[in-house]
């Protein structure tokens, strides 16, 4: 909970990765609801009132994230839409989430046209999914071409996407301590580095499941 609090405070301060932490908190809250409802039938460490309090804290964090008002910087220089179309398209190719492409396309007519580029969605499909998975979910447009955009969202519903993280938590298998990557902790193992494993957000949530 202390780690989560620091993450939420960082998101509130920087106004970045809001959707990601919202999804993380929602998944964690759902898991805790299941455990609390099954109290007596599963292993739940600690007092039940403490877990209810933690759930209320998560709801409070979610409310804070929902109330974020994105502040636009007072910048009168070059903007994204001022860039040449080839550069705009090149930047959009760096996005790894189709939802971000759709959101960007809603900003204006020109960006909407770019966000519908077939090559963008083809690369997105090929980045997240294997050829075998793609072949199983082929969709043709009215013109008889592969509709990569529809295929992407269909693939997302059927298969997990390739995970990407700027940084990850580390779990020490020797002393069972959580820490950020690159942050040392007093470990008594002969080779502490060999004891650390990276945790994805889902791995972190799974720590709360019994």
N, C-alpha and C. Protein backbone atom coordinates (compact mmCIF):
# COMPACT_ATOMS: atom_id res chain seq x y z
N UNK A 1 0.83 -1.20 0.00
CA UNK A 1 0.00 0.00 0.00
C UNK A 1 0.87 1.26 0.00
N UNK A 2 2.03 1.19 0.69
CA UNK A 2 2.94 2.33 0.71
C UNK A 2 3.49 2.60 -0.69
N UNK A 3 3.82 1.52 -1.40
CA UNK A 3 4.33 1.67 -2.76
C UNK A 3 3.25 2.24 -3.66
N UNK A 4 2.03 1.71 -3.54
CA UNK A 4 0.92 2.20 -4.36
C UNK A 4 0.65 3.69 -4.09
N UNK A 5 0.74 4.08 -2.83
CA UNK A 5 0.50 5.48 -2.49
C UNK A 5 1.51 6.39 -3.18
N UNK A 6 2.78 5.97 -3.18
CA UNK A 6 3.82 6.76 -3.84
C UNK A 6 3.58 6.83 -5.35
N UNK A 7 3.12 5.72 -5.93
CA UNK A 7 2.83 5.70 -7.36
C UNK A 7 1.68 6.66 -7.68
N UNK A 8 0.60 6.60 -6.88
CA UNK A 8 -0.55 7.47 -7.10
C UNK A 8 -0.16 8.94 -6.96
N UNK A 9 0.62 9.26 -5.94
CA UNK A 9 1.06 10.64 -5.73
C UNK A 9 1.90 11.13 -6.90
N UNK A 10 2.73 10.24 -7.44
CA UNK A 10 3.56 10.60 -8.60
C UNK A 10 2.68 10.86 -9.82
N UNK A 11 1.67 10.04 -10.02
CA UNK A 11 0.75 10.23 -11.15
C UNK A 11 -0.04 11.53 -10.99
N UNK A 12 -0.49 11.81 -9.77
CA UNK A 12 -1.23 13.05 -9.52
C UNK A 12 -0.36 14.28 -9.76
N UNK A 13 0.93 14.14 -9.47
CA UNK A 13 1.85 15.26 -9.65
C UNK A 13 2.21 15.46 -11.11
N UNK A 14 2.54 14.36 -11.82
CA UNK A 14 3.01 14.46 -13.20
C UNK A 14 1.89 14.43 -14.23
N UNK A 15 0.70 13.92 -13.82
CA UNK A 15 -0.44 13.78 -14.73
C UNK A 15 -0.08 12.91 -15.93
N UNK A 16 0.67 11.83 -15.67
CA UNK A 16 1.06 10.88 -16.72
C UNK A 16 0.68 9.47 -16.28
N UNK A 17 0.40 8.62 -17.29
CA UNK A 17 0.03 7.21 -17.02
C UNK A 17 -1.21 7.09 -16.14
N UNK A 18 -2.15 8.02 -16.30
CA UNK A 18 -3.35 8.03 -15.47
C UNK A 18 -4.18 6.78 -15.72
N UNK A 19 -4.41 6.46 -16.99
CA UNK A 19 -5.25 5.31 -17.31
C UNK A 19 -4.64 4.01 -16.79
N UNK A 20 -3.32 3.88 -16.90
CA UNK A 20 -2.64 2.66 -16.46
C UNK A 20 -2.84 2.43 -14.97
N UNK A 21 -2.66 3.45 -14.15
CA UNK A 21 -2.79 3.28 -12.70
C UNK A 21 -4.25 3.11 -12.31
N UNK A 22 -5.18 3.70 -13.09
CA UNK A 22 -6.61 3.47 -12.84
C UNK A 22 -6.94 1.99 -13.01
N UNK A 23 -6.45 1.40 -14.10
CA UNK A 23 -6.72 -0.01 -14.36
C UNK A 23 -6.08 -0.89 -13.30
N UNK A 24 -4.89 -0.53 -12.87
CA UNK A 24 -4.20 -1.29 -11.83
C UNK A 24 -5.00 -1.27 -10.52
N UNK A 25 -5.46 -0.08 -10.12
CA UNK A 25 -6.23 0.05 -8.88
C UNK A 25 -7.57 -0.68 -8.97
N UNK A 26 -8.21 -0.62 -10.14
CA UNK A 26 -9.50 -1.28 -10.30
C UNK A 26 -9.35 -2.79 -10.19
N UNK A 27 -8.30 -3.34 -10.82
CA UNK A 27 -8.06 -4.78 -10.74
C UNK A 27 -7.74 -5.20 -9.31
N UNK A 28 -6.94 -4.40 -8.63
CA UNK A 28 -6.60 -4.70 -7.24
C UNK A 28 -7.84 -4.64 -6.36
N UNK A 29 -8.68 -3.62 -6.56
CA UNK A 29 -9.89 -3.48 -5.75
C UNK A 29 -10.83 -4.66 -5.97
N UNK A 30 -10.97 -5.09 -7.22
CA UNK A 30 -11.82 -6.24 -7.53
C UNK A 30 -11.31 -7.51 -6.85
N UNK A 31 -9.99 -7.70 -6.86
CA UNK A 31 -9.40 -8.88 -6.22
C UNK A 31 -9.64 -8.85 -4.71
N UNK A 32 -9.46 -7.67 -4.10
CA UNK A 32 -9.67 -7.56 -2.66
C UNK A 32 -11.13 -7.77 -2.29
N UNK A 33 -12.05 -7.29 -3.14
CA UNK A 33 -13.49 -7.52 -2.89
C UNK A 33 -13.78 -9.01 -2.82
N UNK A 34 -13.20 -9.76 -3.73
CA UNK A 34 -13.43 -11.20 -3.76
C UNK A 34 -12.91 -11.86 -2.49
N UNK A 35 -11.74 -11.44 -2.04
CA UNK A 35 -11.15 -12.03 -0.83
C UNK A 35 -11.96 -11.68 0.42
N UNK A 36 -12.38 -10.43 0.50
CA UNK A 36 -13.14 -9.99 1.69
C UNK A 36 -14.49 -10.71 1.75
N UNK A 37 -15.13 -10.89 0.59
CA UNK A 37 -16.42 -11.57 0.56
C UNK A 37 -16.30 -13.04 0.93
N UNK A 38 -15.12 -13.61 0.70
CA UNK A 38 -14.91 -15.03 1.01
C UNK A 38 -14.17 -15.23 2.33
N UNK A 39 -14.20 -14.21 3.20
CA UNK A 39 -13.50 -14.32 4.47
C UNK A 39 -13.98 -15.55 5.23
N UNK A 40 -13.06 -16.31 5.76
CA UNK A 40 -13.38 -17.57 6.43
C UNK A 40 -13.22 -18.76 5.53
N UNK A 41 -13.24 -18.52 4.20
CA UNK A 41 -13.07 -19.60 3.24
C UNK A 41 -11.73 -19.53 2.53
N UNK A 42 -10.99 -18.45 2.76
CA UNK A 42 -9.67 -18.30 2.13
C UNK A 42 -8.72 -17.67 3.13
N UNK A 43 -7.45 -17.72 2.80
CA UNK A 43 -6.43 -17.17 3.71
C UNK A 43 -6.34 -15.67 3.48
N UNK A 44 -6.77 -14.88 4.44
CA UNK A 44 -6.70 -13.43 4.38
C UNK A 44 -5.90 -12.95 5.59
N UNK A 45 -4.70 -12.48 5.35
CA UNK A 45 -3.79 -12.12 6.43
C UNK A 45 -4.21 -10.77 7.02
N UNK A 46 -4.34 -10.70 8.33
CA UNK A 46 -4.66 -9.45 8.99
C UNK A 46 -6.14 -9.31 9.33
N UNK A 47 -6.45 -8.25 10.06
CA UNK A 47 -7.81 -7.97 10.48
C UNK A 47 -8.68 -7.55 9.30
N UNK A 48 -9.92 -8.04 9.26
CA UNK A 48 -10.81 -7.74 8.14
C UNK A 48 -11.09 -6.25 8.04
N UNK A 49 -11.15 -5.56 9.18
CA UNK A 49 -11.39 -4.11 9.16
C UNK A 49 -10.25 -3.36 8.49
N UNK A 50 -9.03 -3.88 8.65
CA UNK A 50 -7.87 -3.25 8.02
C UNK A 50 -7.96 -3.37 6.50
N UNK A 51 -8.43 -4.52 6.01
CA UNK A 51 -8.56 -4.71 4.56
C UNK A 51 -9.67 -3.84 4.00
N UNK A 52 -10.76 -3.68 4.77
CA UNK A 52 -11.83 -2.78 4.34
C UNK A 52 -11.32 -1.35 4.26
N UNK A 53 -10.52 -0.96 5.24
CA UNK A 53 -9.93 0.39 5.24
C UNK A 53 -9.03 0.59 4.02
N UNK A 54 -8.26 -0.45 3.67
CA UNK A 54 -7.39 -0.37 2.49
C UNK A 54 -8.21 -0.23 1.21
N UNK A 55 -9.33 -0.94 1.17
CA UNK A 55 -10.20 -0.83 0.00
C UNK A 55 -10.78 0.58 -0.12
N UNK A 56 -11.12 1.18 1.01
CA UNK A 56 -11.64 2.55 1.00
C UNK A 56 -10.55 3.52 0.54
N UNK A 57 -9.31 3.22 0.92
CA UNK A 57 -8.19 4.04 0.48
C UNK A 57 -8.02 3.97 -1.03
N UNK A 58 -8.17 2.77 -1.59
CA UNK A 58 -8.06 2.59 -3.04
C UNK A 58 -9.17 3.37 -3.74
N UNK A 59 -10.39 3.33 -3.19
CA UNK A 59 -11.50 4.10 -3.77
C UNK A 59 -11.20 5.60 -3.74
N UNK A 60 -10.58 6.05 -2.65
CA UNK A 60 -10.21 7.46 -2.53
C UNK A 60 -9.18 7.83 -3.59
N UNK A 61 -8.20 6.96 -3.81
CA UNK A 61 -7.21 7.21 -4.86
C UNK A 61 -7.86 7.28 -6.23
N UNK A 62 -8.80 6.37 -6.47
CA UNK A 62 -9.50 6.36 -7.75
C UNK A 62 -10.26 7.67 -7.97
N UNK A 63 -10.88 8.17 -6.92
CA UNK A 63 -11.62 9.43 -7.01
C UNK A 63 -10.67 10.59 -7.32
N UNK A 64 -9.50 10.58 -6.69
CA UNK A 64 -8.52 11.63 -6.95
C UNK A 64 -8.06 11.60 -8.41
N UNK A 65 -7.85 10.39 -8.93
CA UNK A 65 -7.43 10.26 -10.33
C UNK A 65 -8.53 10.71 -11.29
N UNK A 66 -9.79 10.41 -10.92
CA UNK A 66 -10.92 10.82 -11.76
C UNK A 66 -11.10 12.34 -11.78
N UNK A 67 -10.65 13.00 -10.71
CA UNK A 67 -10.81 14.45 -10.60
C UNK A 67 -9.66 15.24 -11.20
N UNK A 68 -8.69 14.55 -11.77
CA UNK A 68 -7.53 15.25 -12.34
C UNK A 68 -7.98 16.12 -13.51
N UNK A 69 -7.58 17.36 -13.49
CA UNK A 69 -7.81 18.28 -14.58
C UNK A 69 -6.47 18.52 -15.27
N UNK A 70 -6.34 18.01 -16.49
CA UNK A 70 -5.07 18.15 -17.20
C UNK A 70 -4.81 19.62 -17.50
N UNK A 71 -3.67 20.11 -17.03
CA UNK A 71 -3.30 21.51 -17.26
C UNK A 71 -2.43 21.59 -18.51
N UNK A 72 -2.83 22.44 -19.41
CA UNK A 72 -2.07 22.63 -20.64
C UNK A 72 -0.97 23.66 -20.42
N UNK A 73 0.26 23.35 -20.80
CA UNK A 73 1.35 24.31 -20.61
C UNK A 73 1.15 25.55 -21.49
N UNK A 74 1.57 26.69 -20.97
CA UNK A 74 1.47 27.94 -21.72
C UNK A 74 2.61 27.99 -22.73
N UNK A 75 2.39 27.34 -23.87
CA UNK A 75 3.43 27.22 -24.89
C UNK A 75 2.87 27.71 -26.22
N UNK A 76 3.54 28.67 -26.84
CA UNK A 76 3.05 29.26 -28.08
C UNK A 76 3.97 28.93 -29.25
N UNK A 77 4.85 27.97 -29.07
CA UNK A 77 5.77 27.61 -30.14
C UNK A 77 5.20 26.54 -31.05
N UNK A 78 6.07 25.68 -31.54
CA UNK A 78 5.69 24.64 -32.47
C UNK A 78 4.86 23.56 -31.77
N UNK A 79 3.76 23.14 -32.37
CA UNK A 79 2.91 22.09 -31.81
C UNK A 79 3.01 20.84 -32.67
N UNK A 80 2.39 19.78 -32.20
CA UNK A 80 2.45 18.50 -32.92
C UNK A 80 1.89 18.63 -34.33
N UNK A 81 0.77 19.33 -34.47
CA UNK A 81 0.13 19.46 -35.78
C UNK A 81 0.88 20.40 -36.71
N UNK A 82 1.85 21.14 -36.17
CA UNK A 82 2.67 22.01 -37.02
C UNK A 82 3.78 21.23 -37.72
N UNK A 83 4.05 20.03 -37.25
CA UNK A 83 5.09 19.21 -37.85
C UNK A 83 4.66 18.70 -39.22
N UNK A 84 5.62 18.40 -40.09
CA UNK A 84 5.26 17.78 -41.38
C UNK A 84 4.50 16.48 -41.16
N UNK A 85 3.63 16.13 -42.09
CA UNK A 85 2.80 14.93 -41.94
C UNK A 85 3.64 13.68 -41.76
N UNK A 86 4.79 13.61 -42.46
CA UNK A 86 5.63 12.41 -42.34
C UNK A 86 6.17 12.26 -40.93
N UNK A 87 6.48 13.39 -40.24
CA UNK A 87 6.96 13.33 -38.86
C UNK A 87 5.82 12.97 -37.90
N UNK A 88 4.64 13.52 -38.15
CA UNK A 88 3.48 13.17 -37.32
C UNK A 88 3.22 11.67 -37.39
N UNK A 89 3.26 11.14 -38.59
CA UNK A 89 3.02 9.71 -38.79
C UNK A 89 4.11 8.88 -38.13
N UNK A 90 5.35 9.37 -38.21
CA UNK A 90 6.47 8.66 -37.61
C UNK A 90 6.32 8.60 -36.09
N UNK A 91 5.85 9.67 -35.49
CA UNK A 91 5.63 9.70 -34.04
C UNK A 91 4.50 8.76 -33.66
N UNK A 92 3.44 8.76 -34.45
CA UNK A 92 2.29 7.90 -34.16
C UNK A 92 2.66 6.43 -34.26
N UNK A 93 3.66 6.12 -35.06
CA UNK A 93 4.12 4.74 -35.16
C UNK A 93 4.79 4.25 -33.86
N UNK A 94 5.13 5.18 -32.99
CA UNK A 94 5.76 4.82 -31.71
C UNK A 94 4.74 4.45 -30.64
N UNK A 95 3.45 4.73 -30.90
CA UNK A 95 2.41 4.38 -29.93
C UNK A 95 2.17 2.88 -29.95
N UNK A 96 2.05 2.29 -28.78
CA UNK A 96 1.88 0.83 -28.70
C UNK A 96 0.48 0.40 -28.29
N UNK A 97 -0.43 1.37 -28.12
CA UNK A 97 -1.80 1.06 -27.70
C UNK A 97 -2.77 1.64 -28.72
N UNK A 98 -3.61 0.80 -29.30
CA UNK A 98 -4.57 1.26 -30.30
C UNK A 98 -5.52 2.31 -29.77
N UNK A 99 -5.82 2.26 -28.48
CA UNK A 99 -6.73 3.26 -27.90
C UNK A 99 -6.12 4.65 -27.96
N UNK A 100 -4.79 4.72 -27.83
CA UNK A 100 -4.11 6.01 -27.93
C UNK A 100 -4.20 6.56 -29.35
N UNK A 101 -4.09 5.67 -30.33
CA UNK A 101 -4.23 6.09 -31.72
C UNK A 101 -5.63 6.65 -31.99
N UNK A 102 -6.64 5.96 -31.48
CA UNK A 102 -8.02 6.41 -31.67
C UNK A 102 -8.23 7.76 -31.00
N UNK A 103 -7.72 7.92 -29.78
CA UNK A 103 -7.86 9.19 -29.06
C UNK A 103 -7.17 10.33 -29.80
N UNK A 104 -5.98 10.04 -30.32
CA UNK A 104 -5.25 11.06 -31.06
C UNK A 104 -6.00 11.46 -32.33
N UNK A 105 -6.63 10.48 -32.96
CA UNK A 105 -7.38 10.77 -34.18
C UNK A 105 -8.61 11.63 -33.94
N UNK A 106 -9.06 11.75 -32.70
CA UNK A 106 -10.24 12.55 -32.38
C UNK A 106 -9.90 14.02 -32.15
N UNK A 107 -8.60 14.34 -32.18
CA UNK A 107 -8.18 15.73 -31.94
C UNK A 107 -8.58 16.64 -33.09
N UNK A 108 -8.43 16.16 -34.32
CA UNK A 108 -8.74 16.98 -35.48
C UNK A 108 -8.86 16.15 -36.75
N UNK A 109 -9.40 16.74 -37.81
CA UNK A 109 -9.61 16.00 -39.06
C UNK A 109 -8.32 15.42 -39.65
N UNK A 110 -7.25 16.21 -39.66
CA UNK A 110 -5.99 15.73 -40.24
C UNK A 110 -5.42 14.56 -39.46
N UNK A 111 -5.48 14.65 -38.13
CA UNK A 111 -4.97 13.56 -37.31
C UNK A 111 -5.86 12.32 -37.45
N UNK A 112 -7.14 12.54 -37.67
CA UNK A 112 -8.04 11.41 -37.87
C UNK A 112 -7.65 10.62 -39.12
N UNK A 113 -7.32 11.35 -40.18
CA UNK A 113 -6.90 10.69 -41.42
C UNK A 113 -5.63 9.88 -41.19
N UNK A 114 -4.67 10.47 -40.47
CA UNK A 114 -3.41 9.76 -40.19
C UNK A 114 -3.64 8.55 -39.31
N UNK A 115 -4.55 8.68 -38.34
CA UNK A 115 -4.79 7.57 -37.39
C UNK A 115 -5.47 6.38 -38.06
N UNK A 116 -6.01 6.58 -39.27
CA UNK A 116 -6.65 5.49 -40.00
C UNK A 116 -5.69 4.81 -40.97
N UNK A 117 -4.44 5.23 -40.96
CA UNK A 117 -3.45 4.65 -41.87
C UNK A 117 -3.33 3.14 -41.65
N UNK A 118 -3.49 2.37 -42.72
CA UNK A 118 -3.48 0.90 -42.62
C UNK A 118 -2.14 0.38 -42.11
N UNK A 119 -1.04 1.02 -42.53
CA UNK A 119 0.29 0.56 -42.13
C UNK A 119 0.49 0.71 -40.63
N UNK A 120 -0.09 1.77 -40.04
CA UNK A 120 -0.01 1.97 -38.58
C UNK A 120 -0.61 0.76 -37.85
N UNK A 121 -1.81 0.39 -38.26
CA UNK A 121 -2.52 -0.69 -37.58
C UNK A 121 -1.89 -2.05 -37.89
N UNK A 122 -1.34 -2.18 -39.10
CA UNK A 122 -0.65 -3.43 -39.44
C UNK A 122 0.56 -3.63 -38.55
N UNK A 123 1.36 -2.59 -38.38
CA UNK A 123 2.54 -2.69 -37.52
C UNK A 123 2.15 -2.95 -36.07
N UNK A 124 1.04 -2.35 -35.65
CA UNK A 124 0.57 -2.55 -34.28
C UNK A 124 0.18 -4.02 -34.06
N UNK A 125 -0.51 -4.58 -35.04
CA UNK A 125 -0.90 -6.00 -34.95
C UNK A 125 0.33 -6.90 -34.93
N UNK A 126 1.28 -6.62 -35.81
CA UNK A 126 2.47 -7.46 -35.91
C UNK A 126 3.38 -7.30 -34.69
N UNK A 127 3.31 -6.15 -34.02
CA UNK A 127 4.12 -5.94 -32.82
C UNK A 127 3.58 -6.75 -31.64
N UNK A 128 2.26 -6.77 -31.48
CA UNK A 128 1.66 -7.41 -30.30
C UNK A 128 1.35 -8.89 -30.48
N UNK A 129 1.13 -9.32 -31.74
CA UNK A 129 0.62 -10.66 -31.95
C UNK A 129 1.45 -11.44 -32.97
N UNK A 130 1.39 -12.76 -32.85
CA UNK A 130 2.14 -13.63 -33.75
C UNK A 130 1.40 -13.78 -35.09
N UNK A 131 2.13 -14.26 -36.10
CA UNK A 131 1.51 -14.46 -37.42
C UNK A 131 0.37 -15.47 -37.32
N UNK A 132 0.55 -16.47 -36.50
CA UNK A 132 -0.49 -17.50 -36.35
C UNK A 132 -1.76 -16.90 -35.76
N UNK A 133 -1.62 -16.05 -34.75
CA UNK A 133 -2.78 -15.41 -34.15
C UNK A 133 -3.47 -14.49 -35.16
N UNK A 134 -2.68 -13.76 -35.94
CA UNK A 134 -3.25 -12.84 -36.93
C UNK A 134 -4.02 -13.61 -38.00
N UNK A 135 -3.45 -14.73 -38.46
CA UNK A 135 -4.11 -15.51 -39.52
C UNK A 135 -5.47 -16.04 -39.07
N UNK A 136 -5.62 -16.28 -37.77
CA UNK A 136 -6.88 -16.81 -37.25
C UNK A 136 -7.97 -15.74 -37.16
N UNK A 137 -7.58 -14.46 -37.23
CA UNK A 137 -8.55 -13.37 -37.02
C UNK A 137 -8.57 -12.40 -38.20
N UNK A 138 -8.43 -12.91 -39.41
CA UNK A 138 -8.42 -12.05 -40.59
C UNK A 138 -9.81 -11.42 -40.82
N UNK A 139 -9.81 -10.12 -41.12
CA UNK A 139 -11.05 -9.40 -41.43
C UNK A 139 -10.81 -8.59 -42.69
N UNK A 140 -11.70 -8.72 -43.66
CA UNK A 140 -11.59 -7.98 -44.92
C UNK A 140 -12.51 -6.78 -44.91
N UNK A 141 -12.02 -5.68 -45.50
CA UNK A 141 -12.83 -4.47 -45.63
C UNK A 141 -13.75 -4.61 -46.84
N UNK A 142 -14.58 -3.60 -47.08
CA UNK A 142 -15.50 -3.62 -48.23
C UNK A 142 -14.72 -3.64 -49.55
N UNK A 143 -13.49 -3.14 -49.51
CA UNK A 143 -12.67 -3.10 -50.72
C UNK A 143 -11.86 -4.39 -50.92
N UNK A 144 -12.06 -5.35 -50.03
CA UNK A 144 -11.35 -6.61 -50.16
C UNK A 144 -9.97 -6.61 -49.57
N UNK A 145 -9.59 -5.53 -48.84
CA UNK A 145 -8.29 -5.44 -48.19
C UNK A 145 -8.40 -5.86 -46.73
N UNK A 146 -7.27 -6.25 -46.16
CA UNK A 146 -7.26 -6.59 -44.74
C UNK A 146 -7.55 -5.34 -43.92
N UNK A 147 -8.51 -5.43 -43.03
CA UNK A 147 -8.87 -4.30 -42.17
C UNK A 147 -8.07 -4.45 -40.87
N UNK A 148 -6.86 -3.89 -40.87
CA UNK A 148 -5.94 -4.08 -39.75
C UNK A 148 -6.46 -3.45 -38.46
N UNK A 149 -7.19 -2.36 -38.56
CA UNK A 149 -7.72 -1.71 -37.36
C UNK A 149 -8.72 -2.62 -36.65
N UNK A 150 -9.70 -3.13 -37.40
CA UNK A 150 -10.69 -4.04 -36.80
C UNK A 150 -10.01 -5.31 -36.29
N UNK A 151 -9.00 -5.78 -37.04
CA UNK A 151 -8.29 -6.99 -36.62
C UNK A 151 -7.57 -6.76 -35.31
N UNK A 152 -6.98 -5.56 -35.13
CA UNK A 152 -6.26 -5.27 -33.89
C UNK A 152 -7.19 -5.39 -32.68
N UNK A 153 -8.35 -4.74 -32.74
CA UNK A 153 -9.26 -4.76 -31.59
C UNK A 153 -9.87 -6.14 -31.37
N UNK A 154 -10.01 -6.91 -32.45
CA UNK A 154 -10.49 -8.28 -32.29
C UNK A 154 -9.41 -9.14 -31.64
N UNK A 155 -8.16 -8.94 -32.05
CA UNK A 155 -7.04 -9.68 -31.47
C UNK A 155 -6.87 -9.35 -29.99
N UNK A 156 -7.07 -8.06 -29.65
CA UNK A 156 -6.93 -7.63 -28.25
C UNK A 156 -7.93 -8.37 -27.36
N UNK A 157 -9.13 -8.62 -27.90
CA UNK A 157 -10.15 -9.32 -27.13
C UNK A 157 -9.83 -10.81 -26.98
N UNK A 158 -9.01 -11.34 -27.85
CA UNK A 158 -8.75 -12.79 -27.86
C UNK A 158 -7.40 -13.17 -27.24
N UNK A 159 -6.43 -12.28 -27.35
CA UNK A 159 -5.07 -12.61 -26.89
C UNK A 159 -4.49 -11.45 -26.07
N UNK A 160 -3.58 -11.76 -25.16
CA UNK A 160 -2.90 -10.69 -24.41
C UNK A 160 -1.92 -9.94 -25.29
N UNK A 161 -1.84 -8.63 -25.10
CA UNK A 161 -0.88 -7.83 -25.85
C UNK A 161 0.51 -7.96 -25.26
N UNK A 162 1.49 -7.60 -26.05
CA UNK A 162 2.87 -7.57 -25.57
C UNK A 162 2.99 -6.49 -24.51
N UNK A 163 3.54 -6.83 -23.36
CA UNK A 163 3.59 -5.89 -22.25
C UNK A 163 4.81 -4.97 -22.37
N UNK A 164 4.62 -3.70 -22.02
CA UNK A 164 5.68 -2.71 -22.06
C UNK A 164 5.65 -1.91 -20.76
N UNK A 165 6.80 -1.78 -20.13
CA UNK A 165 6.88 -1.01 -18.88
C UNK A 165 8.16 -0.18 -18.87
N UNK A 166 8.02 1.07 -18.44
CA UNK A 166 9.20 1.92 -18.32
C UNK A 166 10.07 1.49 -17.17
N UNK A 167 9.47 0.95 -16.13
CA UNK A 167 10.21 0.48 -14.96
C UNK A 167 9.37 -0.59 -14.28
N UNK A 168 10.01 -1.46 -13.53
CA UNK A 168 9.30 -2.56 -12.88
C UNK A 168 9.74 -2.71 -11.44
N UNK A 169 8.86 -3.30 -10.65
CA UNK A 169 9.21 -3.68 -9.29
C UNK A 169 10.04 -4.96 -9.33
N UNK A 170 10.91 -5.11 -8.34
CA UNK A 170 11.73 -6.31 -8.22
C UNK A 170 11.33 -7.03 -6.93
N UNK A 171 11.22 -8.36 -7.02
CA UNK A 171 10.93 -9.17 -5.84
C UNK A 171 12.16 -10.03 -5.54
N UNK A 172 12.67 -9.91 -4.34
CA UNK A 172 13.81 -10.73 -3.91
C UNK A 172 13.27 -12.09 -3.45
N UNK A 173 13.64 -13.15 -4.16
CA UNK A 173 13.16 -14.49 -3.82
C UNK A 173 13.78 -14.99 -2.52
N UNK A 174 14.88 -14.38 -2.10
CA UNK A 174 15.56 -14.83 -0.89
C UNK A 174 14.90 -14.27 0.37
N UNK A 175 14.65 -12.96 0.39
CA UNK A 175 14.10 -12.33 1.60
C UNK A 175 12.70 -11.77 1.39
N UNK A 176 12.14 -11.95 0.17
CA UNK A 176 10.75 -11.57 -0.14
C UNK A 176 10.50 -10.08 0.09
N UNK A 177 11.42 -9.25 -0.37
CA UNK A 177 11.29 -7.80 -0.25
C UNK A 177 11.02 -7.22 -1.64
N UNK A 178 10.08 -6.26 -1.71
CA UNK A 178 9.79 -5.55 -2.95
C UNK A 178 10.61 -4.28 -3.02
N UNK A 179 11.15 -3.99 -4.20
CA UNK A 179 11.92 -2.76 -4.37
C UNK A 179 11.89 -2.36 -5.84
N UNK A 180 12.18 -1.09 -6.09
CA UNK A 180 12.26 -0.64 -7.48
C UNK A 180 13.57 -1.12 -8.09
N UNK A 181 13.57 -1.33 -9.39
CA UNK A 181 14.76 -1.76 -10.09
C UNK A 181 15.87 -0.74 -9.89
N UNK A 182 17.05 -1.22 -9.53
CA UNK A 182 18.18 -0.33 -9.29
C UNK A 182 18.29 0.16 -7.86
N UNK A 183 17.31 -0.21 -7.03
CA UNK A 183 17.34 0.17 -5.61
C UNK A 183 17.78 -1.03 -4.78
N UNK A 184 18.89 -0.90 -4.08
CA UNK A 184 19.42 -2.01 -3.28
C UNK A 184 18.68 -2.14 -1.96
N UNK A 185 18.66 -3.34 -1.42
CA UNK A 185 18.13 -3.57 -0.08
C UNK A 185 19.10 -4.52 0.65
N UNK A 186 19.13 -4.49 1.97
CA UNK A 186 20.06 -5.35 2.72
C UNK A 186 19.69 -6.83 2.60
N UNK A 187 20.31 -7.52 1.65
CA UNK A 187 20.00 -8.92 1.40
C UNK A 187 21.14 -9.79 1.92
N UNK A 188 20.80 -10.90 2.55
CA UNK A 188 21.81 -11.80 3.15
C UNK A 188 22.23 -12.91 2.20
N UNK A 189 21.69 -12.92 0.98
CA UNK A 189 22.06 -13.96 0.01
C UNK A 189 23.48 -13.76 -0.48
N UNK A 190 24.13 -14.84 -0.88
CA UNK A 190 25.49 -14.76 -1.38
C UNK A 190 25.56 -13.96 -2.68
N UNK A 191 24.54 -14.11 -3.51
CA UNK A 191 24.49 -13.37 -4.77
C UNK A 191 23.12 -12.71 -4.90
N UNK A 192 22.93 -11.53 -4.30
CA UNK A 192 21.61 -10.88 -4.27
C UNK A 192 21.02 -10.64 -5.65
N UNK A 193 21.85 -10.33 -6.64
CA UNK A 193 21.33 -10.01 -7.97
C UNK A 193 20.62 -11.20 -8.61
N UNK A 194 21.09 -12.41 -8.31
CA UNK A 194 20.47 -13.60 -8.89
C UNK A 194 19.13 -13.92 -8.24
N UNK A 195 18.82 -13.26 -7.12
CA UNK A 195 17.58 -13.54 -6.39
C UNK A 195 16.43 -12.63 -6.82
N UNK A 196 16.74 -11.57 -7.58
CA UNK A 196 15.72 -10.59 -7.94
C UNK A 196 15.02 -10.97 -9.24
N UNK A 197 13.69 -10.91 -9.23
CA UNK A 197 12.90 -11.15 -10.44
C UNK A 197 11.99 -9.95 -10.67
N UNK A 198 11.78 -9.58 -11.93
CA UNK A 198 10.92 -8.45 -12.27
C UNK A 198 9.46 -8.84 -12.15
N UNK A 199 8.64 -7.92 -11.67
CA UNK A 199 7.20 -8.14 -11.53
C UNK A 199 6.44 -7.21 -12.46
N UNK A 200 5.55 -7.77 -13.27
CA UNK A 200 4.64 -6.95 -14.06
C UNK A 200 3.52 -6.47 -13.13
N UNK A 201 2.72 -5.47 -13.55
CA UNK A 201 1.58 -5.06 -12.71
C UNK A 201 0.68 -6.23 -12.32
N UNK A 202 0.44 -7.16 -13.27
CA UNK A 202 -0.40 -8.30 -12.96
C UNK A 202 0.26 -9.21 -11.93
N UNK A 203 1.58 -9.41 -12.03
CA UNK A 203 2.31 -10.20 -11.03
C UNK A 203 2.18 -9.58 -9.64
N UNK A 204 2.24 -8.25 -9.60
CA UNK A 204 2.12 -7.55 -8.33
C UNK A 204 0.74 -7.77 -7.72
N UNK A 205 -0.31 -7.67 -8.55
CA UNK A 205 -1.68 -7.91 -8.08
C UNK A 205 -1.85 -9.33 -7.61
N UNK A 206 -1.20 -10.28 -8.31
CA UNK A 206 -1.33 -11.70 -7.94
C UNK A 206 -0.78 -11.99 -6.54
N UNK A 207 0.09 -11.12 -6.03
CA UNK A 207 0.62 -11.30 -4.69
C UNK A 207 -0.49 -11.22 -3.63
N UNK A 208 -1.61 -10.58 -3.99
CA UNK A 208 -2.72 -10.40 -3.06
C UNK A 208 -3.73 -11.54 -3.16
N UNK A 209 -3.50 -12.47 -4.10
CA UNK A 209 -4.44 -13.58 -4.28
C UNK A 209 -3.94 -14.80 -3.52
N UNK A 210 -4.86 -15.52 -2.92
CA UNK A 210 -4.49 -16.69 -2.13
C UNK A 210 -5.24 -17.91 -2.67
